[in-house]
């Protein structure tokens, strides 16, 4: 019984850790959008650079079927693009 509780607690901890990792990745994408918006406003980047970044985000992200509790998860392409645009807007 005690081992089962420890195993369940460890699994819960790992799942929560992975969920927070995904949220951290999405926060980084949001901050990248904020940086890109500011840099574009200052003339460092052009509209085409924004398009290229958006295309790259569309191609990236987790493979279909990857769940948030997977240790390799970083967020789906849609989540990452949405986070970037949240920061940009």
N, C-alpha and C. Protein backbone atom coordinates (compact mmCIF):
# COMPACT_ATOMS: atom_id res chain seq x y z
N UNK A 1 0.82 -1.20 0.00
CA UNK A 1 0.00 0.00 0.00
C UNK A 1 0.87 1.26 0.00
N UNK A 2 1.90 1.32 0.84
CA UNK A 2 2.76 2.49 0.92
C UNK A 2 3.49 2.76 -0.37
N UNK A 3 3.95 1.70 -1.03
CA UNK A 3 4.66 1.85 -2.31
C UNK A 3 3.73 2.39 -3.37
N UNK A 4 2.49 1.94 -3.37
CA UNK A 4 1.50 2.43 -4.34
C UNK A 4 1.27 3.93 -4.16
N UNK A 5 1.19 4.37 -2.93
CA UNK A 5 0.98 5.79 -2.65
C UNK A 5 2.19 6.60 -3.13
N UNK A 6 3.38 6.11 -2.85
CA UNK A 6 4.59 6.81 -3.29
C UNK A 6 4.65 6.85 -4.81
N UNK A 7 4.34 5.74 -5.48
CA UNK A 7 4.36 5.71 -6.95
C UNK A 7 3.33 6.68 -7.52
N UNK A 8 2.16 6.73 -6.92
CA UNK A 8 1.11 7.64 -7.40
C UNK A 8 1.53 9.09 -7.17
N UNK A 9 2.12 9.36 -6.01
CA UNK A 9 2.59 10.71 -5.72
C UNK A 9 3.69 11.14 -6.69
N UNK A 10 4.60 10.23 -6.99
CA UNK A 10 5.67 10.53 -7.94
C UNK A 10 5.10 10.81 -9.32
N UNK A 11 4.14 10.01 -9.75
CA UNK A 11 3.52 10.22 -11.07
C UNK A 11 2.79 11.56 -11.11
N UNK A 12 2.08 11.89 -10.02
CA UNK A 12 1.38 13.18 -9.96
C UNK A 12 2.38 14.34 -10.02
N UNK A 13 3.48 14.21 -9.30
CA UNK A 13 4.52 15.24 -9.30
C UNK A 13 5.11 15.41 -10.69
N UNK A 14 5.42 14.31 -11.36
CA UNK A 14 6.00 14.38 -12.71
C UNK A 14 5.02 15.00 -13.69
N UNK A 15 3.75 14.64 -13.59
CA UNK A 15 2.74 15.21 -14.49
C UNK A 15 2.63 16.72 -14.28
N UNK A 16 2.61 17.15 -13.02
CA UNK A 16 2.52 18.58 -12.73
C UNK A 16 3.77 19.31 -13.20
N UNK A 17 4.93 18.70 -13.01
CA UNK A 17 6.19 19.28 -13.46
C UNK A 17 6.18 19.46 -14.98
N UNK A 18 5.69 18.47 -15.70
CA UNK A 18 5.63 18.57 -17.16
C UNK A 18 4.63 19.64 -17.60
N UNK A 19 3.51 19.73 -16.90
CA UNK A 19 2.51 20.76 -17.22
C UNK A 19 3.11 22.15 -17.05
N UNK A 20 3.84 22.35 -15.96
CA UNK A 20 4.48 23.64 -15.73
C UNK A 20 5.57 23.92 -16.76
N UNK A 21 6.24 22.89 -17.23
CA UNK A 21 7.25 23.05 -18.27
C UNK A 21 6.61 23.56 -19.56
N UNK A 22 5.46 23.00 -19.92
CA UNK A 22 4.74 23.46 -21.12
C UNK A 22 4.33 24.92 -20.94
N UNK A 23 3.80 25.26 -19.78
CA UNK A 23 3.38 26.64 -19.54
C UNK A 23 4.57 27.61 -19.61
N UNK A 24 5.73 27.17 -19.15
CA UNK A 24 6.94 27.99 -19.24
C UNK A 24 7.33 28.21 -20.70
N UNK A 25 7.24 27.17 -21.50
CA UNK A 25 7.54 27.30 -22.94
C UNK A 25 6.57 28.28 -23.60
N UNK A 26 5.30 28.19 -23.25
CA UNK A 26 4.31 29.10 -23.84
C UNK A 26 4.53 30.54 -23.36
N UNK A 27 4.96 30.69 -22.14
CA UNK A 27 5.28 32.04 -21.64
C UNK A 27 6.47 32.60 -22.42
N UNK A 28 7.46 31.77 -22.70
CA UNK A 28 8.61 32.22 -23.49
C UNK A 28 8.18 32.65 -24.89
N UNK A 29 7.24 31.92 -25.49
CA UNK A 29 6.73 32.31 -26.81
C UNK A 29 6.01 33.65 -26.73
N UNK A 30 5.27 33.86 -25.65
CA UNK A 30 4.58 35.14 -25.45
C UNK A 30 5.59 36.28 -25.35
N UNK A 31 6.63 36.07 -24.58
CA UNK A 31 7.67 37.09 -24.43
C UNK A 31 8.41 37.33 -25.74
N UNK A 32 8.58 36.29 -26.53
CA UNK A 32 9.21 36.46 -27.85
C UNK A 32 8.33 37.35 -28.73
N UNK A 33 7.02 37.18 -28.62
CA UNK A 33 6.11 38.05 -29.37
C UNK A 33 6.20 39.49 -28.92
N UNK A 34 6.33 39.72 -27.63
CA UNK A 34 6.49 41.07 -27.10
C UNK A 34 7.78 41.71 -27.62
N UNK A 35 8.85 40.93 -27.59
CA UNK A 35 10.13 41.42 -28.11
C UNK A 35 10.01 41.76 -29.60
N UNK A 36 9.39 40.86 -30.37
CA UNK A 36 9.28 41.07 -31.82
C UNK A 36 8.44 42.31 -32.12
N UNK A 37 7.38 42.53 -31.36
CA UNK A 37 6.55 43.71 -31.58
C UNK A 37 7.35 44.97 -31.32
N UNK A 38 8.09 45.00 -30.23
CA UNK A 38 8.90 46.16 -29.90
C UNK A 38 10.00 46.39 -30.94
N UNK A 39 10.68 45.30 -31.31
CA UNK A 39 11.77 45.43 -32.29
C UNK A 39 11.24 45.86 -33.65
N UNK A 40 10.07 45.40 -34.00
CA UNK A 40 9.46 45.81 -35.28
C UNK A 40 9.09 47.29 -35.24
N UNK A 41 8.54 47.72 -34.11
CA UNK A 41 8.17 49.14 -33.97
C UNK A 41 9.40 50.04 -34.05
N UNK A 42 10.55 49.55 -33.62
CA UNK A 42 11.79 50.33 -33.68
C UNK A 42 12.52 50.16 -35.01
N UNK A 43 11.96 49.36 -35.91
CA UNK A 43 12.55 49.20 -37.23
C UNK A 43 13.64 48.14 -37.32
N UNK A 44 13.82 47.36 -36.27
CA UNK A 44 14.84 46.32 -36.27
C UNK A 44 14.41 45.16 -37.17
N UNK A 45 13.13 44.83 -37.15
CA UNK A 45 12.58 43.77 -37.99
C UNK A 45 11.54 44.35 -38.93
N UNK A 46 11.28 43.63 -40.00
CA UNK A 46 10.28 44.04 -40.99
C UNK A 46 9.11 43.07 -40.94
N UNK A 47 8.04 43.42 -41.64
CA UNK A 47 6.85 42.59 -41.65
C UNK A 47 7.15 41.17 -42.11
N UNK A 48 8.04 41.02 -43.07
CA UNK A 48 8.40 39.69 -43.57
C UNK A 48 9.01 38.84 -42.45
N UNK A 49 9.76 39.44 -41.56
CA UNK A 49 10.33 38.70 -40.43
C UNK A 49 9.23 38.14 -39.53
N UNK A 50 8.16 38.91 -39.37
CA UNK A 50 7.02 38.46 -38.58
C UNK A 50 6.37 37.26 -39.26
N UNK A 51 6.22 37.34 -40.58
CA UNK A 51 5.61 36.23 -41.32
C UNK A 51 6.46 34.96 -41.20
N UNK A 52 7.75 35.09 -41.31
CA UNK A 52 8.65 33.94 -41.21
C UNK A 52 8.54 33.31 -39.82
N UNK A 53 8.51 34.15 -38.80
CA UNK A 53 8.38 33.64 -37.43
C UNK A 53 7.06 32.89 -37.27
N UNK A 54 5.99 33.43 -37.81
CA UNK A 54 4.69 32.78 -37.73
C UNK A 54 4.70 31.43 -38.45
N UNK A 55 5.34 31.37 -39.60
CA UNK A 55 5.45 30.11 -40.35
C UNK A 55 6.24 29.08 -39.54
N UNK A 56 7.32 29.52 -38.92
CA UNK A 56 8.13 28.60 -38.11
C UNK A 56 7.34 28.07 -36.92
N UNK A 57 6.56 28.92 -36.29
CA UNK A 57 5.73 28.48 -35.17
C UNK A 57 4.67 27.49 -35.63
N UNK A 58 4.16 27.69 -36.84
CA UNK A 58 3.14 26.78 -37.38
C UNK A 58 3.71 25.40 -37.65
N UNK A 59 4.99 25.33 -37.99
CA UNK A 59 5.62 24.05 -38.28
C UNK A 59 6.11 23.36 -37.01
N UNK A 60 6.32 24.12 -35.97
CA UNK A 60 6.84 23.56 -34.73
C UNK A 60 5.74 23.05 -33.83
N UNK A 61 6.08 22.82 -32.62
CA UNK A 61 5.11 22.33 -31.66
C UNK A 61 5.16 20.82 -31.54
N UNK A 62 4.40 20.35 -30.60
CA UNK A 62 4.38 18.91 -30.33
C UNK A 62 3.70 18.14 -31.44
N UNK A 63 4.13 16.91 -31.60
CA UNK A 63 3.50 16.01 -32.57
C UNK A 63 2.06 15.72 -32.13
N UNK A 64 1.22 15.44 -33.10
CA UNK A 64 -0.17 15.10 -32.76
C UNK A 64 -0.18 13.95 -31.77
N UNK A 65 -1.06 14.06 -30.80
CA UNK A 65 -1.19 13.01 -29.81
C UNK A 65 -0.30 13.19 -28.59
N UNK A 66 0.61 14.18 -28.64
CA UNK A 66 1.45 14.43 -27.46
C UNK A 66 0.59 15.09 -26.40
N UNK A 67 0.56 14.52 -25.23
CA UNK A 67 -0.23 15.08 -24.15
C UNK A 67 0.63 16.02 -23.31
N UNK A 68 -0.01 16.91 -22.58
CA UNK A 68 0.72 17.91 -21.81
C UNK A 68 1.59 17.28 -20.74
N UNK A 69 1.25 16.04 -20.33
CA UNK A 69 2.05 15.40 -19.29
C UNK A 69 3.23 14.60 -19.84
N UNK A 70 3.44 14.64 -21.16
CA UNK A 70 4.59 14.00 -21.78
C UNK A 70 5.82 14.85 -21.49
N UNK A 71 6.90 14.22 -21.07
CA UNK A 71 8.11 14.96 -20.69
C UNK A 71 8.70 15.76 -21.86
N UNK A 72 8.38 15.39 -23.08
CA UNK A 72 8.92 16.10 -24.25
C UNK A 72 8.01 17.22 -24.73
N UNK A 73 6.86 17.42 -24.08
CA UNK A 73 5.87 18.39 -24.53
C UNK A 73 6.38 19.83 -24.37
N UNK A 74 6.07 20.65 -25.39
CA UNK A 74 6.40 22.07 -25.36
C UNK A 74 5.20 22.92 -25.76
N UNK A 75 4.10 22.29 -26.06
CA UNK A 75 2.91 22.98 -26.54
C UNK A 75 2.70 22.69 -28.01
N UNK A 76 1.44 22.67 -28.41
CA UNK A 76 1.12 22.43 -29.81
C UNK A 76 1.49 23.65 -30.64
N UNK A 77 1.54 23.48 -31.94
CA UNK A 77 1.84 24.61 -32.82
C UNK A 77 0.82 25.73 -32.61
N UNK A 78 -0.45 25.37 -32.47
CA UNK A 78 -1.48 26.39 -32.25
C UNK A 78 -1.28 27.12 -30.92
N UNK A 79 -0.96 26.37 -29.87
CA UNK A 79 -0.72 27.01 -28.58
C UNK A 79 0.48 27.95 -28.64
N UNK A 80 1.53 27.50 -29.29
CA UNK A 80 2.75 28.31 -29.36
C UNK A 80 2.52 29.56 -30.20
N UNK A 81 1.81 29.41 -31.33
CA UNK A 81 1.52 30.57 -32.18
C UNK A 81 0.59 31.54 -31.45
N UNK A 82 -0.43 31.01 -30.77
CA UNK A 82 -1.34 31.87 -30.01
C UNK A 82 -0.61 32.64 -28.91
N UNK A 83 0.30 31.97 -28.22
CA UNK A 83 1.06 32.62 -27.16
C UNK A 83 1.94 33.73 -27.74
N UNK A 84 2.57 33.45 -28.87
CA UNK A 84 3.41 34.45 -29.54
C UNK A 84 2.56 35.67 -29.91
N UNK A 85 1.39 35.42 -30.52
CA UNK A 85 0.53 36.53 -30.94
C UNK A 85 -0.03 37.30 -29.76
N UNK A 86 -0.26 36.62 -28.65
CA UNK A 86 -0.70 37.32 -27.44
C UNK A 86 0.35 38.33 -27.00
N UNK A 87 1.60 37.93 -27.05
CA UNK A 87 2.68 38.83 -26.70
C UNK A 87 2.87 39.93 -27.72
N UNK A 88 2.69 39.61 -28.98
CA UNK A 88 2.87 40.59 -30.04
C UNK A 88 1.79 41.65 -30.03
N UNK A 89 0.57 41.21 -29.76
CA UNK A 89 -0.56 42.14 -29.77
C UNK A 89 -0.56 42.98 -28.52
